[in-house]
Structure formats: C-alpha cells, structure tokens
Amino acid sequence: MTRITTPFGFHSTAQEVIEGVDLTGKRAIVTGGAAGIGIETARALVNAGADVTLAVRRLDAAELIAAELRSEGRGTVDVRLVDLADLSSVKSFAESWSEPLQILVNNAGIMALPERELTSQGWEMQFATNFLGHFALVLGLQDALIKAEGARIVSLSSSANLLGPVVFDDINFDFRPYEPFASYSQAKSACALIAVEITRRWADRGIFANAVNPGAIATHLQKHTGGLKTPVEHQKTVQQGAATSVLLAASPLLEGLGGRYFEDCNEAHVVNKRPADYMGVAPYAIDPDNAKRLWEVATRMIG
C-alpha cells in the first residue's frame, strides 16, 4: 500500500487540520473527552459543528468542560457516563445510544499502573481500560455506526507499541511478572491492531478505523511515571497532540481510508527495530493475522 501523507505535520494543531471542515449534523463520541487531548479533540469537532458526546467516568468535572465547549462551538455537547474498565457500564452506554454515529474517538486511557490491578470482571486493568472496554464499545455501537453510512473510528495507540506485542498466551499477567510498561505496551499494540480488523470486517458497511500515536504531551496520563520524560524539543502541546486524532476523525483527505497507523498527521513508517526516537509502528502492531486473533480473543473475553 502507498504510504499516506498530508500537508500537516508535527507542529499542526487540531484547529488547523479541521479548518474549513463542516461537521454540522454529524454526531461524535469522544471517550475521555473531558481531560488532556480529549478536550482539544472534542473542542475541534464542536467548533466544526459536530454534536459531541463526552463519554467519561466523572460527570461533574466533565460538565464544566462541556459548558466551556458549548460557549465556544457551533455544535452541541452532552455528557454521558461510561467506565471502560466495567463491561456492564460499557454495555449500558451502548444500549442507550440510538442515533447514527459518524465519529467515534477511542481516546481515554491509563498508563503504567505501578501494581497489577484487575477489573471486577477479572481482566488486567491497563488492557481492559485502554483496549478491551473500547472494543466492547465498538461492538455495542456497531448498528449506530452502520446507520451513519460512512463512519470513522479513531483508536488511540502510542509509541509504546514499540515496546512489545500483545502476549496472547498471557494477556492478564497470570504467569509473567507484572511490569507497568509491558502492560501498557501490549494494550497500545492492541489499539493499533483493532483498527486493522475493524476495517477488514466492516469497510463494506462504510466503517473505517485508524490508529493514532498522538505524540508526547504532558497530561495527567503520566501521573504514575513522575511526569513526561521526553526531551522538550520532541514534546507537543495538547492542541498539537489532538491534531492527528481530529485529522483522522474529520478530514476529507482521509475519506474511505482505514486500517492504518498515523503519527504527526501522516501514516507512520513500519520499522523492523525500535528506533532511538520511538517513531514508527512495529510490524506486529499492524499484522492482519494478529489483528484477527485479537478480535477472536477479545470477543471471548467480553463474553
């Protein structure tokens, strides 16, 4: 496949990549849309006229953000509860949604929990929150995405995909010693893989998914790591960090394209070993056979 490039890059902001795009009448869900780059992703979509739902765990805090976005944007903003670590919560959210859904940004996430934690359903917390809950959400919203007759899913991955693959035989760290970044890396590799399989399965129904590495942005995400360690010259603002997500969610440049992994607003290079700058995507994180296996494993996990 030909590598996809755009006029945008590292320094582009969410507002710049959506300039001139009219999303009036379109609906979008942004998980974690009341924190970090989720706010800027939602802001750009609302400013372009989309009706945006912030899917969050903390309603009170999200309502304050929603009020701010309503005062600035052309689209509407509402707030709905979802806890991605609780599959029953995800099911309730999906069942309550009846409208066609043009844009789903699976943005929420956690990073490098210092100790192994399990969800109430018994799944390792980082894998469950970053990937499995989003997978269940995608399945639950399938009919709404089909009704849109042209839907886009954005799956937030990370340069951490370069730290390791999904270990299918021990996703839950039942045998391996738990290590925070080993857990994070397999979850983010899973987030890249699922874009491949969604597109393979559902492109003929008008649903396309792509994965995103937003870059290094100082947010609450790094609360367990002592803050962002990336050299300053390689860090982004939150507005720049949201740019690639917004580009994939809304730009006509990427209409009808899916199954790809993007960073800095362009499709990433596939790398055969981890580079010093942590740019690119590992072959195992976009491998179609891995993607198919992940879908089958995740389907069993969510029952």
C-alpha atoms as a PDB file:
ATOM      1  CA  MET A   1       0.000   0.000   0.000  1.00  0.00           C
ATOM      2  CA  THR A   2       1.124   3.540  -0.711  1.00  0.00           C
ATOM      3  CA  ARG A   3       2.020   5.453   2.443  1.00  0.00           C
ATOM      4  CA  ILE A   4      -0.499   8.223   3.143  1.00  0.00           C
ATOM      5  CA  THR A   5       0.835  11.742   3.669  1.00  0.00           C
ATOM      6  CA  THR A   6      -0.917  15.068   4.265  1.00  0.00           C
ATOM      7  CA  PRO A   7       0.093  18.751   4.266  1.00  0.00           C
ATOM      8  CA  PHE A   8       0.164  18.636   8.076  1.00  0.00           C
ATOM      9  CA  GLY A   9       2.874  17.560  10.492  1.00  0.00           C
ATOM     10  CA  PHE A  10       4.383  17.600  13.973  1.00  0.00           C
ATOM     11  CA  HIS A  11       3.523  21.250  14.732  1.00  0.00           C
ATOM     12  CA  SER A  12      -0.022  21.235  13.322  1.00  0.00           C
ATOM     13  CA  THR A  13      -2.880  21.813  15.753  1.00  0.00           C
ATOM     14  CA  ALA A  14      -6.340  20.296  15.917  1.00  0.00           C
ATOM     15  CA  GLN A  15      -7.934  23.549  14.757  1.00  0.00           C
ATOM     16  CA  GLU A  16      -5.574  23.806  11.800  1.00  0.00           C
ATOM     17  CA  VAL A  17      -6.267  20.321  10.454  1.00  0.00           C
ATOM     18  CA  ILE A  18     -10.042  20.827  10.632  1.00  0.00           C
ATOM     19  CA  GLU A  19     -10.068  24.331   9.149  1.00  0.00           C
ATOM     20  CA  GLY A  20     -12.861  24.626   6.577  1.00  0.00           C
ATOM     21  CA  VAL A  21     -14.487  21.302   7.514  1.00  0.00           C
ATOM     22  CA  ASP A  22     -18.225  21.451   8.270  1.00  0.00           C
ATOM     23  CA  LEU A  23     -19.485  18.706  10.584  1.00  0.00           C
ATOM     24  CA  THR A  24     -22.973  20.133  11.050  1.00  0.00           C
ATOM     25  CA  GLY A  25     -25.465  17.344  11.612  1.00  0.00           C
ATOM     26  CA  LYS A  26     -22.827  14.758  12.458  1.00  0.00           C
ATOM     27  CA  ARG A  27     -22.533  13.047  15.833  1.00  0.00           C
ATOM     28  CA  ALA A  28     -19.297  12.191  17.597  1.00  0.00           C
ATOM     29  CA  ILE A  29     -18.334  10.378  20.778  1.00  0.00           C
ATOM     30  CA  VAL A  30     -15.001  11.123  22.441  1.00  0.00           C
ATOM     31  CA  THR A  31     -14.110   8.835  25.333  1.00  0.00           C
ATOM     32  CA  GLY A  32     -12.118  10.661  27.972  1.00  0.00           C
ATOM     33  CA  GLY A  33     -13.270  13.848  26.295  1.00  0.00           C
ATOM     34  CA  ALA A  34     -13.002  15.954  29.444  1.00  0.00           C
ATOM     35  CA  ALA A  35      -9.264  15.616  30.039  1.00  0.00           C
ATOM     36  CA  GLY A  36      -5.969  16.084  28.230  1.00  0.00           C
ATOM     37  CA  ILE A  37      -6.033  15.833  24.464  1.00  0.00           C
ATOM     38  CA  GLY A  38      -9.609  14.584  24.679  1.00  0.00           C
ATOM     39  CA  ILE A  39     -10.747  18.129  25.458  1.00  0.00           C
ATOM     40  CA  GLU A  40      -8.963  19.550  22.415  1.00  0.00           C
ATOM     41  CA  THR A  41     -10.270  16.756  20.211  1.00  0.00           C
ATOM     42  CA  ALA A  42     -13.816  17.493  21.337  1.00  0.00           C
ATOM     43  CA  ARG A  43     -13.280  21.250  21.012  1.00  0.00           C
ATOM     44  CA  ALA A  44     -12.195  20.986  17.395  1.00  0.00           C
ATOM     45  CA  LEU A  45     -15.148  18.769  16.485  1.00  0.00           C
ATOM     46  CA  VAL A  46     -17.664  21.033  18.251  1.00  0.00           C
ATOM     47  CA  ASN A  47     -16.185  24.125  16.625  1.00  0.00           C
ATOM     48  CA  ALA A  48     -16.689  22.453  13.242  1.00  0.00           C
ATOM     49  CA  GLY A  49     -20.370  21.955  14.054  1.00  0.00           C
ATOM     50  CA  ALA A  50     -20.478  18.351  15.287  1.00  0.00           C
ATOM     51  CA  ASP A  51     -22.779  17.268  18.106  1.00  0.00           C
ATOM     52  CA  VAL A  52     -20.297  15.765  20.561  1.00  0.00           C
ATOM     53  CA  THR A  53     -20.807  13.400  23.480  1.00  0.00           C
ATOM     54  CA  LEU A  54     -18.122  13.306  26.143  1.00  0.00           C
ATOM     55  CA  ALA A  55     -18.067   9.713  27.389  1.00  0.00           C
ATOM     56  CA  VAL A  56     -16.479   9.901  30.824  1.00  0.00           C
ATOM     57  CA  ARG A  57     -16.207   8.422  34.327  1.00  0.00           C
ATOM     58  CA  ARG A  58     -16.501  11.720  36.238  1.00  0.00           C
ATOM     59  CA  LEU A  59     -19.682  13.538  35.278  1.00  0.00           C
ATOM     60  CA  ASP A  60     -19.242  16.617  37.480  1.00  0.00           C
ATOM     61  CA  ALA A  61     -15.822  17.508  36.096  1.00  0.00           C
ATOM     62  CA  ALA A  62     -16.964  16.787  32.558  1.00  0.00           C
ATOM     63  CA  GLU A  63     -19.970  19.097  32.859  1.00  0.00           C
ATOM     64  CA  LEU A  64     -17.622  22.015  33.492  1.00  0.00           C
ATOM     65  CA  ILE A  65     -15.688  21.205  30.321  1.00  0.00           C
ATOM     66  CA  ALA A  66     -18.908  20.718  28.386  1.00  0.00           C
ATOM     67  CA  ALA A  67     -20.145  24.167  29.425  1.00  0.00           C
ATOM     68  CA  GLU A  68     -16.894  25.690  28.185  1.00  0.00           C
ATOM     69  CA  LEU A  69     -17.127  23.895  24.843  1.00  0.00           C
ATOM     70  CA  ARG A  70     -20.782  24.869  24.376  1.00  0.00           C
ATOM     71  CA  SER A  71     -19.902  28.522  24.817  1.00  0.00           C
ATOM     72  CA  GLU A  72     -17.302  28.343  22.035  1.00  0.00           C
ATOM     73  CA  GLY A  73     -18.560  25.890  19.440  1.00  0.00           C
ATOM     74  CA  ARG A  74     -21.323  25.578  16.862  1.00  0.00           C
ATOM     75  CA  GLY A  75     -22.282  22.014  17.746  1.00  0.00           C
ATOM     76  CA  THR A  76     -23.963  20.674  20.854  1.00  0.00           C
ATOM     77  CA  VAL A  77     -22.170  18.973  23.744  1.00  0.00           C
ATOM     78  CA  ASP A  78     -23.555  16.421  26.144  1.00  0.00           C
ATOM     79  CA  VAL A  79     -22.002  14.236  28.832  1.00  0.00           C
ATOM     80  CA  ARG A  80     -22.685  10.558  29.405  1.00  0.00           C
ATOM     81  CA  LEU A  81     -21.288   8.106  31.918  1.00  0.00           C
ATOM     82  CA  VAL A  82     -19.095   5.200  30.876  1.00  0.00           C
ATOM     83  CA  ASP A  83     -16.458   3.302  32.834  1.00  0.00           C
ATOM     84  CA  LEU A  84     -14.345   1.446  30.299  1.00  0.00           C
ATOM     85  CA  ALA A  85     -12.977  -0.871  32.988  1.00  0.00           C
ATOM     86  CA  ASP A  86     -16.513  -2.106  33.697  1.00  0.00           C
ATOM     87  CA  LEU A  87     -18.031  -4.018  30.799  1.00  0.00           C
ATOM     88  CA  SER A  88     -21.531  -3.645  32.242  1.00  0.00           C
ATOM     89  CA  SER A  89     -21.100   0.137  32.143  1.00  0.00           C
ATOM     90  CA  VAL A  90     -19.940  -0.039  28.529  1.00  0.00           C
ATOM     91  CA  LYS A  91     -22.953  -2.191  27.648  1.00  0.00           C
ATOM     92  CA  SER A  92     -25.338   0.273  29.298  1.00  0.00           C
ATOM     93  CA  PHE A  93     -23.797   3.201  27.417  1.00  0.00           C
ATOM     94  CA  ALA A  94     -24.034   1.430  24.059  1.00  0.00           C
ATOM     95  CA  GLU A  95     -27.610   0.283  24.652  1.00  0.00           C
ATOM     96  CA  SER A  96     -28.657   3.839  25.479  1.00  0.00           C
ATOM     97  CA  TRP A  97     -27.342   5.150  22.151  1.00  0.00           C
ATOM     98  CA  SER A  98     -29.880   5.145  19.309  1.00  0.00           C
ATOM     99  CA  GLU A  99     -28.712   7.824  16.867  1.00  0.00           C
ATOM    100  CA  PRO A 100     -26.493   7.308  13.822  1.00  0.00           C
ATOM    101  CA  LEU A 101     -22.840   7.790  14.832  1.00  0.00           C
ATOM    102  CA  GLN A 102     -20.401   9.274  12.327  1.00  0.00           C
ATOM    103  CA  ILE A 103     -17.320   9.626  14.555  1.00  0.00           C
ATOM    104  CA  LEU A 104     -16.049   7.530  17.468  1.00  0.00           C
ATOM    105  CA  VAL A 105     -12.765   8.616  19.052  1.00  0.00           C
ATOM    106  CA  ASN A 106     -11.498   5.980  21.479  1.00  0.00           C
ATOM    107  CA  ASN A 107      -9.305   8.420  23.350  1.00  0.00           C
ATOM    108  CA  ALA A 108      -9.493   7.533  27.050  1.00  0.00           C
ATOM    109  CA  GLY A 109      -6.650   5.673  28.669  1.00  0.00           C
ATOM    110  CA  ILE A 110      -4.438   4.978  31.651  1.00  0.00           C
ATOM    111  CA  MET A 111      -0.683   4.477  31.732  1.00  0.00           C
ATOM    112  CA  ALA A 112       1.876   2.443  33.650  1.00  0.00           C
ATOM    113  CA  LEU A 113      -0.088   1.479  36.761  1.00  0.00           C
ATOM    114  CA  PRO A 114       2.657   0.637  39.279  1.00  0.00           C
ATOM    115  CA  GLU A 115       0.951  -2.539  40.548  1.00  0.00           C
ATOM    116  CA  ARG A 116      -1.112  -5.171  38.788  1.00  0.00           C
ATOM    117  CA  GLU A 117      -4.805  -4.438  39.184  1.00  0.00           C
ATOM    118  CA  LEU A 118      -7.778  -6.415  37.950  1.00  0.00           C
ATOM    119  CA  THR A 119     -11.210  -5.199  36.925  1.00  0.00           C
ATOM    120  CA  SER A 120     -14.364  -6.534  38.563  1.00  0.00           C
ATOM    121  CA  GLN A 121     -14.598  -8.954  35.629  1.00  0.00           C
ATOM    122  CA  GLY A 122     -11.051 -10.152  36.333  1.00  0.00           C
ATOM    123  CA  TRP A 123      -9.109  -8.529  33.472  1.00  0.00           C
ATOM    124  CA  GLU A 124      -5.800  -6.706  33.819  1.00  0.00           C
ATOM    125  CA  MET A 125      -6.629  -3.032  34.265  1.00  0.00           C
ATOM    126  CA  GLN A 126      -4.498  -1.376  31.574  1.00  0.00           C
ATOM    127  CA  PHE A 127      -5.544  -3.839  28.884  1.00  0.00           C
ATOM    128  CA  ALA A 128      -9.156  -3.572  29.999  1.00  0.00           C
ATOM    129  CA  THR A 129      -9.303   0.227  30.101  1.00  0.00           C
ATOM    130  CA  ASN A 130      -7.177   1.100  27.095  1.00  0.00           C
ATOM    131  CA  PHE A 131      -8.361  -1.644  24.767  1.00  0.00           C
ATOM    132  CA  LEU A 132     -10.997  -4.124  25.927  1.00  0.00           C
ATOM    133  CA  GLY A 133     -13.565  -1.544  27.057  1.00  0.00           C
ATOM    134  CA  HIS A 134     -13.166   0.309  23.776  1.00  0.00           C
ATOM    135  CA  PHE A 135     -13.520  -2.938  21.841  1.00  0.00           C
ATOM    136  CA  ALA A 136     -16.782  -3.677  23.661  1.00  0.00           C
ATOM    137  CA  LEU A 137     -17.935  -0.117  22.940  1.00  0.00           C
ATOM    138  CA  VAL A 138     -17.223  -0.517  19.227  1.00  0.00           C
ATOM    139  CA  LEU A 139     -19.200  -3.764  19.093  1.00  0.00           C
ATOM    140  CA  GLY A 140     -22.063  -2.234  21.058  1.00  0.00           C
ATOM    141  CA  LEU A 141     -22.247   0.777  18.739  1.00  0.00           C
ATOM    142  CA  GLN A 142     -21.952  -1.195  15.512  1.00  0.00           C
ATOM    143  CA  ASP A 143     -25.560  -0.574  14.435  1.00  0.00           C
ATOM    144  CA  ALA A 144     -25.228   3.159  15.099  1.00  0.00           C
ATOM    145  CA  LEU A 145     -22.019   3.264  13.051  1.00  0.00           C
ATOM    146  CA  ILE A 146     -23.695   1.415  10.178  1.00  0.00           C
ATOM    147  CA  LYS A 147     -26.636   3.846  10.262  1.00  0.00           C
ATOM    148  CA  ALA A 148     -24.217   6.720   9.689  1.00  0.00           C
ATOM    149  CA  GLU A 149     -23.499   5.408   6.171  1.00  0.00           C
ATOM    150  CA  GLY A 150     -19.903   6.490   6.479  1.00  0.00           C
ATOM    151  CA  ALA A 151     -18.376   6.262   9.956  1.00  0.00           C
ATOM    152  CA  ARG A 152     -14.870   6.769  11.270  1.00  0.00           C
ATOM    153  CA  ILE A 153     -13.281   5.229  14.336  1.00  0.00           C
ATOM    154  CA  VAL A 154     -10.060   6.638  15.781  1.00  0.00           C
ATOM    155  CA  SER A 155      -8.135   4.309  18.090  1.00  0.00           C
ATOM    156  CA  LEU A 156      -5.552   5.952  20.337  1.00  0.00           C
ATOM    157  CA  SER A 157      -2.361   3.927  20.327  1.00  0.00           C
ATOM    158  CA  SER A 158       1.115   5.105  21.328  1.00  0.00           C
ATOM    159  CA  SER A 159       4.804   4.932  20.546  1.00  0.00           C
ATOM    160  CA  ALA A 160       4.705   2.319  23.328  1.00  0.00           C
ATOM    161  CA  ASN A 161       3.640  -0.150  20.644  1.00  0.00           C
ATOM    162  CA  LEU A 162       7.395  -0.356  20.005  1.00  0.00           C
ATOM    163  CA  LEU A 163       7.982  -1.785  23.478  1.00  0.00           C
ATOM    164  CA  GLY A 164       6.231  -5.064  22.848  1.00  0.00           C
ATOM    165  CA  PRO A 165       3.371  -7.016  21.232  1.00  0.00           C
ATOM    166  CA  VAL A 166       0.180  -8.429  22.619  1.00  0.00           C
ATOM    167  CA  VAL A 167       1.202 -11.575  24.513  1.00  0.00           C
ATOM    168  CA  PHE A 168      -1.837 -13.646  23.625  1.00  0.00           C
ATOM    169  CA  ASP A 169      -0.929 -16.523  25.906  1.00  0.00           C
ATOM    170  CA  ASP A 170      -0.664 -14.293  28.988  1.00  0.00           C
ATOM    171  CA  ILE A 171      -2.581 -11.067  28.439  1.00  0.00           C
ATOM    172  CA  ASN A 172      -3.565 -10.957  32.107  1.00  0.00           C
ATOM    173  CA  PHE A 173      -0.041 -11.400  33.544  1.00  0.00           C
ATOM    174  CA  ASP A 174      -1.091 -14.604  35.242  1.00  0.00           C
ATOM    175  CA  PHE A 175       2.316 -16.144  34.507  1.00  0.00           C
ATOM    176  CA  ARG A 176       4.646 -13.252  33.692  1.00  0.00           C
ATOM    177  CA  PRO A 177       5.794 -10.887  36.433  1.00  0.00           C
ATOM    178  CA  TYR A 178       3.743  -7.736  36.058  1.00  0.00           C
ATOM    179  CA  GLU A 179       5.669  -4.781  34.609  1.00  0.00           C
ATOM    180  CA  PRO A 180       3.909  -1.420  34.102  1.00  0.00           C
ATOM    181  CA  PHE A 181       5.178  -0.666  30.617  1.00  0.00           C
ATOM    182  CA  ALA A 182       4.882  -4.250  29.404  1.00  0.00           C
ATOM    183  CA  SER A 183       1.206  -3.986  30.258  1.00  0.00           C
ATOM    184  CA  TYR A 184       0.862  -0.554  28.660  1.00  0.00           C
ATOM    185  CA  SER A 185       2.690  -1.576  25.503  1.00  0.00           C
ATOM    186  CA  GLN A 186       0.534  -4.634  24.802  1.00  0.00           C
ATOM    187  CA  ALA A 187      -2.617  -2.584  25.359  1.00  0.00           C
ATOM    188  CA  LYS A 188      -1.435   0.059  22.900  1.00  0.00           C
ATOM    189  CA  SER A 189      -0.357  -2.545  20.367  1.00  0.00           C
ATOM    190  CA  ALA A 190      -3.878  -3.929  20.679  1.00  0.00           C
ATOM    191  CA  CYS A 191      -5.307  -0.476  19.981  1.00  0.00           C
ATOM    192  CA  ALA A 192      -3.334  -0.383  16.732  1.00  0.00           C
ATOM    193  CA  LEU A 193      -4.339  -3.898  15.715  1.00  0.00           C
ATOM    194  CA  ILE A 194      -8.031  -3.364  16.208  1.00  0.00           C
ATOM    195  CA  ALA A 195      -8.098  -0.607  13.568  1.00  0.00           C
ATOM    196  CA  VAL A 196      -6.822  -3.161  11.060  1.00  0.00           C
ATOM    197  CA  GLU A 197      -9.506  -5.726  11.857  1.00  0.00           C
ATOM    198  CA  ILE A 198     -12.411  -3.267  12.125  1.00  0.00           C
ATOM    199  CA  THR A 199     -11.623  -2.016   8.644  1.00  0.00           C
ATOM    200  CA  ARG A 200     -11.241  -5.524   7.235  1.00  0.00           C
ATOM    201  CA  ARG A 201     -14.557  -6.650   8.689  1.00  0.00           C
ATOM    202  CA  TRP A 202     -16.671  -3.531   8.296  1.00  0.00           C
ATOM    203  CA  ALA A 203     -15.342  -1.401   5.427  1.00  0.00           C
ATOM    204  CA  ASP A 204     -18.076  -2.754   3.169  1.00  0.00           C
ATOM    205  CA  ARG A 205     -20.568  -1.332   5.684  1.00  0.00           C
ATOM    206  CA  GLY A 206     -18.983   2.108   5.499  1.00  0.00           C
ATOM    207  CA  ILE A 207     -16.985   1.855   8.739  1.00  0.00           C
ATOM    208  CA  PHE A 208     -13.278   2.664   8.699  1.00  0.00           C
ATOM    209  CA  ALA A 209     -10.845   2.725  11.631  1.00  0.00           C
ATOM    210  CA  ASN A 210      -7.328   4.077  12.008  1.00  0.00           C
ATOM    211  CA  ALA A 211      -4.863   4.127  14.894  1.00  0.00           C
ATOM    212  CA  VAL A 212      -3.048   7.174  16.222  1.00  0.00           C
ATOM    213  CA  ASN A 213       0.122   7.933  18.110  1.00  0.00           C
ATOM    214  CA  PRO A 214      -0.682  11.431  19.415  1.00  0.00           C
ATOM    215  CA  GLY A 215       2.913  12.135  20.468  1.00  0.00           C
ATOM    216  CA  ALA A 216       4.461  13.160  23.757  1.00  0.00           C
ATOM    217  CA  ILE A 217       2.132  15.540  25.610  1.00  0.00           C
ATOM    218  CA  ALA A 218       2.357  16.418  29.285  1.00  0.00           C
ATOM    219  CA  THR A 219      -1.026  15.484  30.793  1.00  0.00           C
ATOM    220  CA  HIS A 220      -2.433  13.648  33.802  1.00  0.00           C
ATOM    221  CA  LEU A 221      -1.711  10.433  31.884  1.00  0.00           C
ATOM    222  CA  GLN A 222       1.853  10.424  33.231  1.00  0.00           C
ATOM    223  CA  LYS A 223       0.827  10.632  36.899  1.00  0.00           C
ATOM    224  CA  HIS A 224       2.403   7.231  37.656  1.00  0.00           C
ATOM    225  CA  THR A 225       5.677   7.941  35.821  1.00  0.00           C
ATOM    226  CA  GLY A 226       6.798  11.127  37.556  1.00  0.00           C
ATOM    227  CA  GLY A 227       5.856  13.291  34.584  1.00  0.00           C
ATOM    228  CA  LEU A 228       6.784  13.408  30.916  1.00  0.00           C
ATOM    229  CA  LYS A 229      10.415  12.411  30.294  1.00  0.00           C
ATOM    230  CA  THR A 230      10.564  13.187  26.566  1.00  0.00           C
ATOM    231  CA  PRO A 231      13.091  15.902  25.592  1.00  0.00           C
ATOM    232  CA  VAL A 232      11.388  19.284  25.270  1.00  0.00           C
ATOM    233  CA  GLU A 233      12.065  19.578  21.545  1.00  0.00           C
ATOM    234  CA  HIS A 234      10.041  16.406  20.951  1.00  0.00           C
ATOM    235  CA  GLN A 235       7.087  17.351  23.149  1.00  0.00           C
ATOM    236  CA  LYS A 236       3.773  18.655  21.850  1.00  0.00           C
ATOM    237  CA  THR A 237       1.113  20.952  23.232  1.00  0.00           C
ATOM    238  CA  VAL A 238      -2.299  19.421  23.875  1.00  0.00           C
ATOM    239  CA  GLN A 239      -3.595  21.215  20.758  1.00  0.00           C
ATOM    240  CA  GLN A 240      -0.844  19.602  18.681  1.00  0.00           C
ATOM    241  CA  GLY A 241      -1.402  16.247  20.387  1.00  0.00           C
ATOM    242  CA  ALA A 242      -5.057  16.228  19.334  1.00  0.00           C
ATOM    243  CA  ALA A 243      -4.295  17.085  15.712  1.00  0.00           C
ATOM    244  CA  THR A 244      -3.805  13.580  14.330  1.00  0.00           C
ATOM    245  CA  SER A 245      -6.967  12.300  16.023  1.00  0.00           C
ATOM    246  CA  VAL A 246      -9.010  15.165  14.591  1.00  0.00           C
ATOM    247  CA  LEU A 247      -7.483  14.734  11.149  1.00  0.00           C
ATOM    248  CA  LEU A 248      -8.498  11.072  11.069  1.00  0.00           C
ATOM    249  CA  ALA A 249     -11.926  11.806  12.537  1.00  0.00           C
ATOM    250  CA  ALA A 250     -12.949  14.568  10.173  1.00  0.00           C
ATOM    251  CA  SER A 251     -10.643  15.485   7.308  1.00  0.00           C
ATOM    252  CA  PRO A 252     -11.839  14.784   3.749  1.00  0.00           C
ATOM    253  CA  LEU A 253      -8.209  13.913   2.969  1.00  0.00           C
ATOM    254  CA  LEU A 254      -8.742  10.541   4.656  1.00  0.00           C
ATOM    255  CA  GLU A 255     -12.234   9.704   3.446  1.00  0.00           C
ATOM    256  CA  GLY A 256     -12.711   5.966   2.963  1.00  0.00           C
ATOM    257  CA  LEU A 257      -9.281   5.009   4.307  1.00  0.00           C
ATOM    258  CA  GLY A 258      -8.691   2.630   7.202  1.00  0.00           C
ATOM    259  CA  GLY A 259      -6.509   0.034   8.819  1.00  0.00           C
ATOM    260  CA  ARG A 260      -3.541   2.402   9.074  1.00  0.00           C
ATOM    261  CA  TYR A 261      -1.382   3.806  11.896  1.00  0.00           C
ATOM    262  CA  PHE A 262      -0.672   7.552  11.930  1.00  0.00           C
ATOM    263  CA  GLU A 263       1.645   9.905  13.801  1.00  0.00           C
ATOM    264  CA  ASP A 264       2.332  13.602  13.240  1.00  0.00           C
ATOM    265  CA  CYS A 265      -0.659  13.713  10.866  1.00  0.00           C
ATOM    266  CA  ASN A 266       0.896  11.245   8.419  1.00  0.00           C
ATOM    267  CA  GLU A 267       0.948   7.487   8.111  1.00  0.00           C
ATOM    268  CA  ALA A 268       3.866   6.118  10.132  1.00  0.00           C
ATOM    269  CA  HIS A 269       6.747   4.159   8.710  1.00  0.00           C
ATOM    270  CA  VAL A 270       6.887   0.468   9.583  1.00  0.00           C
ATOM    271  CA  VAL A 271      10.138  -0.195  11.462  1.00  0.00           C
ATOM    272  CA  ASN A 272      11.916  -3.505  11.991  1.00  0.00           C
ATOM    273  CA  LYS A 273      13.553  -2.472  15.251  1.00  0.00           C
ATOM    274  CA  ARG A 274      12.834   0.185  17.828  1.00  0.00           C
ATOM    275  CA  PRO A 275      14.458   3.487  16.786  1.00  0.00           C
ATOM    276  CA  ALA A 276      16.007   5.888  19.263  1.00  0.00           C
ATOM    277  CA  ASP A 277      13.294   8.480  18.607  1.00  0.00           C
ATOM    278  CA  TYR A 278      10.460   5.945  19.104  1.00  0.00           C
ATOM    279  CA  MET A 279       8.875   6.881  15.793  1.00  0.00           C
ATOM    280  CA  GLY A 280       7.071   4.387  13.600  1.00  0.00           C
ATOM    281  CA  VAL A 281       4.978   1.295  14.115  1.00  0.00           C
ATOM    282  CA  ALA A 282       6.128  -2.261  14.747  1.00  0.00           C
ATOM    283  CA  PRO A 283       5.096  -4.912  12.195  1.00  0.00           C
ATOM    284  CA  TYR A 284       3.315  -6.970  14.875  1.00  0.00           C
ATOM    285  CA  ALA A 285       1.073  -3.990  15.725  1.00  0.00           C
ATOM    286  CA  ILE A 286      -0.460  -3.866  12.241  1.00  0.00           C
ATOM    287  CA  ASP A 287      -0.206  -7.541  11.272  1.00  0.00           C
ATOM    288  CA  PRO A 288      -3.544  -8.808   9.849  1.00  0.00           C
ATOM    289  CA  ASP A 289      -3.198 -12.260  11.419  1.00  0.00           C
ATOM    290  CA  ASN A 290      -2.521 -10.736  14.842  1.00  0.00           C
ATOM    291  CA  ALA A 291      -5.493  -8.413  14.331  1.00  0.00           C
ATOM    292  CA  LYS A 292      -7.825 -11.297  13.534  1.00  0.00           C
ATOM    293  CA  ARG A 293      -6.569 -13.288  16.521  1.00  0.00           C
ATOM    294  CA  LEU A 294      -7.025 -10.297  18.822  1.00  0.00           C
ATOM    295  CA  TRP A 295     -10.637  -9.871  17.687  1.00  0.00           C
ATOM    296  CA  GLU A 296     -11.370 -13.515  18.434  1.00  0.00           C
ATOM    297  CA  VAL A 297      -9.630 -13.417  21.829  1.00  0.00           C
ATOM    298  CA  ALA A 298     -11.280 -10.134  22.842  1.00  0.00           C
ATOM    299  CA  THR A 299     -14.707 -11.399  21.789  1.00  0.00           C
ATOM    300  CA  ARG A 300     -14.304 -14.345  24.149  1.00  0.00           C
ATOM    301  CA  MET A 301     -13.064 -12.057  26.934  1.00  0.00           C
ATOM    302  CA  ILE A 302     -16.125  -9.823  26.820  1.00  0.00           C
ATOM    303  CA  GLY A 303     -18.455 -12.811  26.562  1.00  0.00           C
END
